[in-house]
Amino acid sequence: MKGSHLFLCLFSMSCWLNLMPTAGNKIFHFGPCRVSMSMTEIRSGFTAIKANIQARDPIRTLSILSYPHSLHKVKSSDRCCITHHLFDFYVDKVFKHCKTEDSYVNRKISSIANSFLSVKRKLGQCHEQNKCMCGQESTEKFKQILANYEGLNVTSAAIKSLGELDILLDWMEKSR
């Protein structure tokens, strides 16, 4: 009997610790998925290179993420899906093509990419457990983002997408 109480206590403690964000981390709710991430770390890395990256963007009249209604008014049930797609998009397309001659900028990009990779894995687990369903609206919104990206050459599109990272971060924090 004592063993079962000890087990229950340890199990409860481990569940509680898993729900607690680590230092600097926040818990984000994307539909039914909960993801812990350090938004402060990502934002500080991006802020350090934002001016440099945006100065490299030759096309100022086009936006990839803020195309009308791309991230606006996403249903709560679709937030997990579109966030999952966006983290895949940034890890698989954007960060791979954002190399500069400035090693400081490259290190910051790498740090942000590593944070995104960690979140991508967490969202992928949720997606694999069928908690992260994709509705038609989120699928259409993501297709529009991809079309905007693919309308440019790879390097320009990657730089522009990285320069718009604050749009994604702001949206994530508002939907938190």
N, C-alpha and C. Protein backbone atom coordinates (compact mmCIF):
# COMPACT_ATOMS: atom_id res chain seq x y z
N MET A 1 0.82 -1.20 0.00
CA MET A 1 0.00 0.00 0.00
C MET A 1 0.86 1.26 0.00
N LYS A 2 1.96 1.25 0.80
CA LYS A 2 2.84 2.41 0.83
C LYS A 2 3.48 2.64 -0.54
N GLY A 3 3.81 1.55 -1.22
CA GLY A 3 4.43 1.66 -2.54
C GLY A 3 3.51 2.34 -3.54
N SER A 4 2.21 2.06 -3.48
CA SER A 4 1.28 2.69 -4.42
C SER A 4 1.13 4.18 -4.13
N HIS A 5 1.17 4.56 -2.84
CA HIS A 5 1.10 5.99 -2.52
C HIS A 5 2.36 6.70 -3.00
N LEU A 6 3.51 6.06 -2.81
CA LEU A 6 4.77 6.65 -3.27
C LEU A 6 4.76 6.79 -4.79
N PHE A 7 4.29 5.75 -5.49
CA PHE A 7 4.21 5.80 -6.94
C PHE A 7 3.29 6.92 -7.40
N LEU A 8 2.11 7.02 -6.76
CA LEU A 8 1.15 8.05 -7.12
C LEU A 8 1.74 9.44 -6.89
N CYS A 9 2.45 9.60 -5.78
CA CYS A 9 3.08 10.89 -5.47
C CYS A 9 4.15 11.24 -6.52
N LEU A 10 5.01 10.27 -6.84
CA LEU A 10 6.05 10.50 -7.84
C LEU A 10 5.47 10.77 -9.22
N PHE A 11 4.43 10.02 -9.57
CA PHE A 11 3.78 10.22 -10.86
C PHE A 11 3.16 11.61 -10.94
N SER A 12 2.48 12.03 -9.87
CA SER A 12 1.87 13.36 -9.84
C SER A 12 2.92 14.45 -9.95
N MET A 13 4.04 14.26 -9.25
CA MET A 13 5.12 15.24 -9.29
C MET A 13 5.71 15.34 -10.69
N SER A 14 5.90 14.20 -11.35
CA SER A 14 6.49 14.24 -12.70
C SER A 14 5.52 14.90 -13.68
N CYS A 15 4.23 14.65 -13.55
CA CYS A 15 3.25 15.31 -14.41
C CYS A 15 3.26 16.81 -14.18
N TRP A 16 3.32 17.23 -12.94
CA TRP A 16 3.34 18.64 -12.60
C TRP A 16 4.59 19.31 -13.18
N LEU A 17 5.74 18.65 -13.05
CA LEU A 17 6.98 19.21 -13.58
C LEU A 17 6.96 19.33 -15.10
N ASN A 18 6.33 18.36 -15.76
CA ASN A 18 6.23 18.42 -17.22
C ASN A 18 5.35 19.57 -17.69
N LEU A 19 4.40 19.99 -16.87
CA LEU A 19 3.52 21.09 -17.24
C LEU A 19 4.14 22.45 -16.92
N MET A 20 5.13 22.47 -16.06
CA MET A 20 5.77 23.72 -15.69
C MET A 20 6.74 24.15 -16.78
N PRO A 21 6.64 25.40 -17.23
CA PRO A 21 7.62 25.85 -18.21
C PRO A 21 8.99 26.01 -17.54
N THR A 22 10.04 25.73 -18.29
CA THR A 22 11.38 25.93 -17.76
C THR A 22 11.69 27.41 -17.80
N ALA A 23 12.79 27.80 -17.22
CA ALA A 23 13.14 29.21 -17.10
C ALA A 23 13.03 29.93 -18.44
N GLY A 24 12.21 30.98 -18.48
CA GLY A 24 12.07 31.78 -19.69
C GLY A 24 11.10 31.20 -20.70
N ASN A 25 10.62 29.99 -20.49
CA ASN A 25 9.70 29.38 -21.44
C ASN A 25 8.26 29.76 -21.12
N LYS A 26 7.45 29.78 -22.16
CA LYS A 26 6.01 30.00 -22.02
C LYS A 26 5.32 28.80 -22.65
N ILE A 27 4.14 28.52 -22.15
CA ILE A 27 3.33 27.45 -22.74
C ILE A 27 2.38 28.09 -23.76
N PHE A 28 2.40 27.56 -24.96
CA PHE A 28 1.51 28.04 -26.02
C PHE A 28 0.48 26.96 -26.29
N HIS A 29 -0.76 27.38 -26.49
CA HIS A 29 -1.85 26.46 -26.83
C HIS A 29 -2.21 26.68 -28.29
N PHE A 30 -1.96 25.67 -29.08
CA PHE A 30 -2.33 25.71 -30.48
C PHE A 30 -3.42 24.67 -30.66
N GLY A 31 -4.67 25.11 -30.50
CA GLY A 31 -5.76 24.15 -30.48
C GLY A 31 -5.53 23.22 -29.30
N PRO A 32 -5.60 21.92 -29.52
CA PRO A 32 -5.43 20.97 -28.42
C PRO A 32 -3.96 20.71 -28.05
N CYS A 33 -3.04 21.27 -28.78
CA CYS A 33 -1.61 21.03 -28.52
C CYS A 33 -1.03 22.11 -27.63
N ARG A 34 -0.24 21.67 -26.66
CA ARG A 34 0.45 22.58 -25.76
C ARG A 34 1.95 22.44 -26.01
N VAL A 35 2.60 23.58 -26.24
CA VAL A 35 4.03 23.57 -26.54
C VAL A 35 4.73 24.61 -25.67
N SER A 36 5.80 24.19 -25.04
CA SER A 36 6.62 25.10 -24.25
C SER A 36 7.76 25.59 -25.13
N MET A 37 7.97 26.91 -25.13
CA MET A 37 9.07 27.47 -25.91
C MET A 37 9.53 28.79 -25.31
N SER A 38 10.77 29.14 -25.58
CA SER A 38 11.33 30.38 -25.08
C SER A 38 11.17 31.47 -26.13
N MET A 39 10.05 32.17 -26.05
CA MET A 39 9.79 33.25 -26.99
C MET A 39 10.81 34.38 -26.79
N THR A 40 11.24 34.59 -25.54
CA THR A 40 12.22 35.64 -25.25
C THR A 40 13.52 35.38 -25.99
N GLU A 41 13.97 34.15 -25.98
CA GLU A 41 15.22 33.78 -26.66
C GLU A 41 15.10 33.97 -28.17
N ILE A 42 13.98 33.53 -28.73
CA ILE A 42 13.77 33.67 -30.18
C ILE A 42 13.68 35.15 -30.56
N ARG A 43 12.90 35.91 -29.80
CA ARG A 43 12.75 37.34 -30.09
C ARG A 43 14.07 38.10 -29.97
N SER A 44 14.84 37.80 -28.94
CA SER A 44 16.11 38.53 -28.77
C SER A 44 17.08 38.19 -29.91
N GLY A 45 17.10 36.93 -30.34
CA GLY A 45 17.93 36.54 -31.48
C GLY A 45 17.49 37.24 -32.75
N PHE A 46 16.18 37.30 -32.96
CA PHE A 46 15.66 37.95 -34.16
C PHE A 46 15.90 39.46 -34.11
N THR A 47 15.66 40.07 -32.96
CA THR A 47 15.86 41.52 -32.83
C THR A 47 17.30 41.90 -33.14
N ALA A 48 18.25 41.05 -32.75
CA ALA A 48 19.67 41.33 -32.98
C ALA A 48 20.02 41.37 -34.47
N ILE A 49 19.25 40.67 -35.31
CA ILE A 49 19.59 40.60 -36.74
C ILE A 49 18.52 41.18 -37.64
N LYS A 50 17.41 41.61 -37.08
CA LYS A 50 16.27 42.07 -37.87
C LYS A 50 16.65 43.14 -38.89
N ALA A 51 17.31 44.20 -38.45
CA ALA A 51 17.67 45.30 -39.36
C ALA A 51 18.58 44.79 -40.47
N ASN A 52 19.54 43.94 -40.14
CA ASN A 52 20.47 43.38 -41.12
C ASN A 52 19.71 42.56 -42.16
N ILE A 53 18.83 41.70 -41.70
CA ILE A 53 18.08 40.81 -42.61
C ILE A 53 17.12 41.63 -43.48
N GLN A 54 16.38 42.55 -42.86
CA GLN A 54 15.43 43.33 -43.64
C GLN A 54 16.12 44.24 -44.65
N ALA A 55 17.34 44.69 -44.35
CA ALA A 55 18.09 45.50 -45.32
C ALA A 55 18.49 44.68 -46.54
N ARG A 56 18.57 43.36 -46.40
CA ARG A 56 18.93 42.47 -47.51
C ARG A 56 17.74 42.13 -48.40
N ASP A 57 16.54 42.51 -47.97
CA ASP A 57 15.32 42.19 -48.71
C ASP A 57 15.13 43.19 -49.85
N PRO A 58 15.32 42.75 -51.10
CA PRO A 58 15.22 43.68 -52.23
C PRO A 58 13.78 44.02 -52.62
N ILE A 59 12.81 43.23 -52.17
CA ILE A 59 11.42 43.41 -52.60
C ILE A 59 10.58 43.84 -51.39
N ARG A 60 10.29 45.11 -51.33
CA ARG A 60 9.57 45.64 -50.16
C ARG A 60 8.06 45.74 -50.37
N THR A 61 7.61 45.49 -51.58
CA THR A 61 6.19 45.65 -51.90
C THR A 61 5.39 44.38 -51.69
N LEU A 62 6.05 43.29 -51.40
CA LEU A 62 5.38 41.99 -51.25
C LEU A 62 5.63 41.44 -49.86
N SER A 63 4.62 40.77 -49.32
CA SER A 63 4.78 40.11 -48.03
C SER A 63 4.40 38.64 -48.17
N ILE A 64 5.11 37.80 -47.49
CA ILE A 64 4.80 36.37 -47.54
C ILE A 64 3.79 35.99 -46.46
N LEU A 65 3.99 36.47 -45.26
CA LEU A 65 3.11 36.10 -44.15
C LEU A 65 1.92 37.02 -43.94
N SER A 66 2.03 38.26 -44.32
CA SER A 66 0.91 39.16 -44.03
C SER A 66 0.05 39.45 -45.26
N TYR A 67 0.14 38.59 -46.24
CA TYR A 67 -0.78 38.68 -47.36
C TYR A 67 -2.18 38.70 -46.76
N PRO A 68 -3.08 39.45 -47.33
CA PRO A 68 -4.39 39.56 -46.68
C PRO A 68 -4.94 38.21 -46.18
N HIS A 69 -5.17 38.19 -44.91
CA HIS A 69 -5.81 37.06 -44.23
C HIS A 69 -4.94 35.82 -44.08
N SER A 70 -3.64 35.89 -44.31
CA SER A 70 -2.80 34.70 -44.18
C SER A 70 -2.84 34.14 -42.76
N LEU A 71 -2.62 34.98 -41.76
CA LEU A 71 -2.63 34.50 -40.38
C LEU A 71 -3.76 35.09 -39.56
N HIS A 72 -4.54 35.96 -40.16
CA HIS A 72 -5.61 36.61 -39.42
C HIS A 72 -6.83 35.70 -39.33
N LYS A 73 -7.48 35.77 -38.22
CA LYS A 73 -8.74 35.06 -37.98
C LYS A 73 -8.64 33.55 -38.22
N VAL A 74 -7.55 32.96 -37.78
CA VAL A 74 -7.42 31.50 -37.86
C VAL A 74 -8.24 30.91 -36.71
N LYS A 75 -9.09 29.97 -37.02
CA LYS A 75 -9.92 29.34 -35.99
C LYS A 75 -9.03 28.64 -34.97
N SER A 76 -9.50 28.60 -33.75
CA SER A 76 -8.75 27.94 -32.68
C SER A 76 -8.43 26.49 -33.04
N SER A 77 -9.37 25.82 -33.68
CA SER A 77 -9.17 24.41 -34.05
C SER A 77 -8.12 24.25 -35.14
N ASP A 78 -7.82 25.32 -35.91
CA ASP A 78 -6.84 25.26 -36.99
C ASP A 78 -5.46 25.79 -36.59
N ARG A 79 -5.33 26.35 -35.40
CA ARG A 79 -4.05 26.95 -35.00
C ARG A 79 -2.93 25.93 -34.94
N CYS A 80 -3.22 24.75 -34.45
CA CYS A 80 -2.17 23.72 -34.37
C CYS A 80 -1.69 23.37 -35.76
N CYS A 81 -2.60 23.15 -36.67
CA CYS A 81 -2.24 22.74 -38.03
C CYS A 81 -1.39 23.79 -38.72
N ILE A 82 -1.86 25.03 -38.72
CA ILE A 82 -1.11 26.06 -39.46
C ILE A 82 0.22 26.34 -38.78
N THR A 83 0.27 26.27 -37.45
CA THR A 83 1.53 26.47 -36.75
C THR A 83 2.50 25.34 -37.08
N HIS A 84 2.00 24.12 -37.11
CA HIS A 84 2.82 22.96 -37.48
C HIS A 84 3.40 23.16 -38.88
N HIS A 85 2.55 23.55 -39.83
CA HIS A 85 3.01 23.80 -41.20
C HIS A 85 4.04 24.93 -41.25
N LEU A 86 3.80 25.99 -40.50
CA LEU A 86 4.71 27.13 -40.52
C LEU A 86 6.08 26.79 -39.92
N PHE A 87 6.10 25.99 -38.86
CA PHE A 87 7.39 25.59 -38.30
C PHE A 87 8.13 24.66 -39.25
N ASP A 88 7.41 23.75 -39.91
CA ASP A 88 8.02 22.92 -40.96
C ASP A 88 8.59 23.81 -42.06
N PHE A 89 7.81 24.78 -42.49
CA PHE A 89 8.18 25.71 -43.55
C PHE A 89 9.47 26.46 -43.18
N TYR A 90 9.52 27.01 -41.98
CA TYR A 90 10.71 27.76 -41.58
C TYR A 90 11.93 26.86 -41.45
N VAL A 91 11.76 25.67 -40.87
CA VAL A 91 12.90 24.77 -40.69
C VAL A 91 13.35 24.20 -42.03
N ASP A 92 12.41 23.74 -42.85
CA ASP A 92 12.76 23.04 -44.10
C ASP A 92 13.08 23.95 -45.28
N LYS A 93 12.55 25.15 -45.30
CA LYS A 93 12.77 26.03 -46.45
C LYS A 93 13.54 27.30 -46.10
N VAL A 94 13.09 28.01 -45.09
CA VAL A 94 13.63 29.34 -44.82
C VAL A 94 15.05 29.28 -44.25
N PHE A 95 15.22 28.64 -43.12
CA PHE A 95 16.54 28.65 -42.47
C PHE A 95 17.63 28.00 -43.31
N LYS A 96 17.28 27.04 -44.13
CA LYS A 96 18.27 26.37 -44.99
C LYS A 96 18.87 27.31 -46.04
N HIS A 97 18.13 28.35 -46.40
CA HIS A 97 18.58 29.24 -47.46
C HIS A 97 18.95 30.64 -46.97
N CYS A 98 19.07 30.79 -45.67
CA CYS A 98 19.44 32.09 -45.08
C CYS A 98 20.88 32.05 -44.59
N LYS A 99 21.79 32.16 -45.50
CA LYS A 99 23.22 32.23 -45.16
C LYS A 99 23.73 33.59 -45.60
N THR A 100 24.52 34.20 -44.73
CA THR A 100 25.10 35.49 -45.06
C THR A 100 26.62 35.39 -44.91
N GLU A 101 27.30 36.45 -45.28
CA GLU A 101 28.76 36.47 -45.09
C GLU A 101 29.12 36.90 -43.67
N ASP A 102 28.13 37.26 -42.87
CA ASP A 102 28.34 37.73 -41.50
C ASP A 102 28.16 36.55 -40.53
N SER A 103 29.24 36.13 -39.89
CA SER A 103 29.17 34.96 -39.01
C SER A 103 28.28 35.21 -37.80
N TYR A 104 28.22 36.45 -37.30
CA TYR A 104 27.35 36.77 -36.17
C TYR A 104 25.88 36.54 -36.56
N VAL A 105 25.48 37.04 -37.71
CA VAL A 105 24.11 36.87 -38.20
C VAL A 105 23.82 35.37 -38.40
N ASN A 106 24.76 34.65 -38.99
CA ASN A 106 24.57 33.21 -39.21
C ASN A 106 24.39 32.46 -37.89
N ARG A 107 25.13 32.84 -36.86
CA ARG A 107 24.98 32.19 -35.54
C ARG A 107 23.60 32.46 -34.96
N LYS A 108 23.11 33.68 -35.10
CA LYS A 108 21.77 34.03 -34.60
C LYS A 108 20.70 33.25 -35.37
N ILE A 109 20.86 33.18 -36.69
CA ILE A 109 19.91 32.41 -37.50
C ILE A 109 19.92 30.95 -37.06
N SER A 110 21.10 30.40 -36.83
CA SER A 110 21.22 29.01 -36.39
C SER A 110 20.55 28.79 -35.03
N SER A 111 20.71 29.73 -34.14
CA SER A 111 20.09 29.62 -32.82
C SER A 111 18.56 29.64 -32.93
N ILE A 112 18.03 30.54 -33.74
CA ILE A 112 16.58 30.61 -33.94
C ILE A 112 16.10 29.32 -34.61
N ALA A 113 16.86 28.84 -35.59
CA ALA A 113 16.50 27.60 -36.29
C ALA A 113 16.45 26.42 -35.32
N ASN A 114 17.41 26.34 -34.40
CA ASN A 114 17.40 25.26 -33.41
C ASN A 114 16.18 25.33 -32.52
N SER A 115 15.79 26.53 -32.12
CA SER A 115 14.57 26.69 -31.31
C SER A 115 13.34 26.24 -32.11
N PHE A 116 13.30 26.62 -33.39
CA PHE A 116 12.19 26.22 -34.24
C PHE A 116 12.16 24.71 -34.43
N LEU A 117 13.32 24.11 -34.58
CA LEU A 117 13.39 22.66 -34.76
C LEU A 117 12.82 21.93 -33.55
N SER A 118 13.13 22.42 -32.37
CA SER A 118 12.61 21.82 -31.14
C SER A 118 11.09 21.91 -31.09
N VAL A 119 10.55 23.08 -31.41
CA VAL A 119 9.09 23.26 -31.41
C VAL A 119 8.46 22.43 -32.52
N LYS A 120 9.12 22.36 -33.68
CA LYS A 120 8.62 21.56 -34.79
C LYS A 120 8.45 20.11 -34.37
N ARG A 121 9.41 19.59 -33.63
CA ARG A 121 9.32 18.20 -33.15
C ARG A 121 8.13 18.01 -32.21
N LYS A 122 7.94 18.97 -31.30
CA LYS A 122 6.82 18.87 -30.36
C LYS A 122 5.49 18.93 -31.09
N LEU A 123 5.38 19.84 -32.05
CA LEU A 123 4.14 19.93 -32.83
C LEU A 123 3.96 18.68 -33.69
N GLY A 124 5.05 18.13 -34.18
CA GLY A 124 4.98 16.90 -34.97
C GLY A 124 4.43 15.74 -34.16
N GLN A 125 4.83 15.65 -32.89
CA GLN A 125 4.31 14.59 -32.01
C GLN A 125 2.81 14.76 -31.82
N CYS A 126 2.39 15.98 -31.61
CA CYS A 126 0.97 16.26 -31.45
C CYS A 126 0.21 15.91 -32.73
N HIS A 127 0.79 16.28 -33.86
CA HIS A 127 0.18 16.01 -35.17
C HIS A 127 0.06 14.50 -35.39
N GLU A 128 1.09 13.74 -35.00
CA GLU A 128 1.08 12.28 -35.18
C GLU A 128 0.03 11.61 -34.29
N GLN A 129 -0.31 12.24 -33.17
CA GLN A 129 -1.32 11.70 -32.27
C GLN A 129 -2.73 12.11 -32.69
N ASN A 130 -2.83 12.70 -33.87
CA ASN A 130 -4.11 13.15 -34.44
C ASN A 130 -4.82 14.17 -33.57
N LYS A 131 -4.06 14.96 -32.82
CA LYS A 131 -4.65 16.03 -32.03
C LYS A 131 -4.66 17.32 -32.85
N CYS A 132 -3.90 17.33 -33.91
CA CYS A 132 -3.66 18.54 -34.69
C CYS A 132 -4.29 18.37 -36.06
N MET A 133 -5.59 18.57 -36.13
CA MET A 133 -6.31 18.34 -37.38
C MET A 133 -6.24 19.58 -38.28
N CYS A 134 -6.19 19.32 -39.57
CA CYS A 134 -6.09 20.41 -40.54
C CYS A 134 -7.43 20.59 -41.26
N GLY A 135 -8.03 21.74 -41.04
CA GLY A 135 -9.27 22.07 -41.74
C GLY A 135 -8.96 22.71 -43.08
N GLN A 136 -9.98 22.91 -43.86
CA GLN A 136 -9.81 23.48 -45.19
C GLN A 136 -9.26 24.90 -45.11
N GLU A 137 -9.72 25.68 -44.12
CA GLU A 137 -9.28 27.07 -44.00
C GLU A 137 -7.78 27.16 -43.73
N SER A 138 -7.27 26.36 -42.80
CA SER A 138 -5.83 26.41 -42.51
C SER A 138 -5.01 25.90 -43.69
N THR A 139 -5.51 24.91 -44.37
CA THR A 139 -4.83 24.38 -45.55
C THR A 139 -4.74 25.46 -46.64
N GLU A 140 -5.83 26.18 -46.86
CA GLU A 140 -5.84 27.25 -47.87
C GLU A 140 -4.91 28.40 -47.48
N LYS A 141 -4.92 28.77 -46.22
CA LYS A 141 -4.05 29.85 -45.75
C LYS A 141 -2.58 29.47 -45.94
N PHE A 142 -2.24 28.23 -45.61
CA PHE A 142 -0.85 27.81 -45.78
C PHE A 142 -0.47 27.72 -47.26
N LYS A 143 -1.39 27.27 -48.10
CA LYS A 143 -1.12 27.23 -49.54
C LYS A 143 -0.81 28.63 -50.08
N GLN A 144 -1.52 29.63 -49.56
CA GLN A 144 -1.28 31.01 -49.98
C GLN A 144 0.11 31.47 -49.56
N ILE A 145 0.52 31.12 -48.35
CA ILE A 145 1.86 31.47 -47.87
C ILE A 145 2.92 30.80 -48.75
N LEU A 146 2.72 29.53 -49.06
CA LEU A 146 3.66 28.83 -49.95
C LEU A 146 3.70 29.46 -51.34
N ALA A 147 2.55 29.84 -51.87
CA ALA A 147 2.51 30.47 -53.19
C ALA A 147 3.28 31.80 -53.17
N ASN A 148 3.12 32.57 -52.10
CA ASN A 148 3.86 33.83 -51.97
C ASN A 148 5.37 33.55 -51.94
N TYR A 149 5.76 32.53 -51.20
CA TYR A 149 7.17 32.16 -51.06
C TYR A 149 7.73 31.69 -52.40
N GLU A 150 7.02 30.80 -53.05
CA GLU A 150 7.50 30.19 -54.29
C GLU A 150 7.45 31.15 -55.48
N GLY A 151 6.79 32.30 -55.31
CA GLY A 151 6.75 33.30 -56.36
C GLY A 151 8.06 34.08 -56.47
N LEU A 152 8.96 33.88 -55.53
CA LEU A 152 10.25 34.57 -55.51
C LEU A 152 11.36 33.55 -55.69
N ASN A 153 12.58 34.03 -55.98
CA ASN A 153 13.70 33.07 -56.03
C ASN A 153 13.98 32.63 -54.59
N VAL A 154 14.61 31.50 -54.43
CA VAL A 154 14.79 30.84 -53.13
C VAL A 154 15.45 31.75 -52.10
N THR A 155 16.53 32.40 -52.47
CA THR A 155 17.26 33.23 -51.51
C THR A 155 16.44 34.44 -51.09
N SER A 156 15.85 35.13 -52.04
CA SER A 156 15.01 36.30 -51.72
C SER A 156 13.82 35.91 -50.86
N ALA A 157 13.20 34.79 -51.18
CA ALA A 157 12.04 34.32 -50.42
C ALA A 157 12.44 33.96 -48.99
N ALA A 158 13.59 33.33 -48.82
CA ALA A 158 14.05 32.95 -47.48
C ALA A 158 14.38 34.18 -46.65
N ILE A 159 15.07 35.14 -47.25
CA ILE A 159 15.42 36.37 -46.54
C ILE A 159 14.14 37.13 -46.16
N LYS A 160 13.21 37.24 -47.08
CA LYS A 160 11.95 37.94 -46.81
C LYS A 160 11.19 37.22 -45.69
N SER A 161 11.10 35.91 -45.73
CA SER A 161 10.40 35.16 -44.69
C SER A 161 11.05 35.33 -43.33
N LEU A 162 12.38 35.30 -43.30
CA LEU A 162 13.07 35.52 -42.04
C LEU A 162 12.83 36.94 -41.54
N GLY A 163 12.84 37.90 -42.44
CA GLY A 163 12.59 39.29 -42.07
C GLY A 163 11.18 39.52 -41.53
N GLU A 164 10.27 38.63 -41.87
CA GLU A 164 8.88 38.72 -41.40
C GLU A 164 8.62 37.85 -40.17
N LEU A 165 9.65 37.34 -39.58
CA LEU A 165 9.49 36.44 -38.43
C LEU A 165 8.70 37.10 -37.30
N ASP A 166 8.84 38.40 -37.13
CA ASP A 166 8.09 39.07 -36.06
C ASP A 166 6.58 39.00 -36.29
N ILE A 167 6.14 38.90 -37.53
CA ILE A 167 4.71 38.73 -37.82
C ILE A 167 4.23 37.40 -37.24
N LEU A 168 4.99 36.35 -37.48
CA LEU A 168 4.64 35.03 -36.94
C LEU A 168 4.68 35.03 -35.41
N LEU A 169 5.72 35.61 -34.84
CA LEU A 169 5.86 35.62 -33.37
C LEU A 169 4.74 36.41 -32.72
N ASP A 170 4.39 37.55 -33.31
CA ASP A 170 3.28 38.36 -32.78
C ASP A 170 1.97 37.57 -32.84
N TRP A 171 1.73 36.90 -33.96
CA TRP A 171 0.52 36.10 -34.12
C TRP A 171 0.46 34.98 -33.08
N MET A 172 1.59 34.33 -32.87
CA MET A 172 1.62 33.24 -31.89
C MET A 172 1.32 33.77 -30.49
N GLU A 173 1.89 34.89 -30.14
CA GLU A 173 1.65 35.43 -28.80
C GLU A 173 0.21 35.92 -28.64
N LYS A 174 -0.38 36.45 -29.68
CA LYS A 174 -1.78 36.88 -29.60
C LYS A 174 -2.73 35.69 -29.47
N SER A 175 -2.37 34.59 -30.10
CA SER A 175 -3.25 33.42 -30.06
C SER A 175 -2.98 32.52 -28.87
N ARG A 176 -2.06 32.93 -28.04
CA ARG A 176 -1.66 32.18 -26.86
C ARG A 176 -2.80 32.19 -25.89
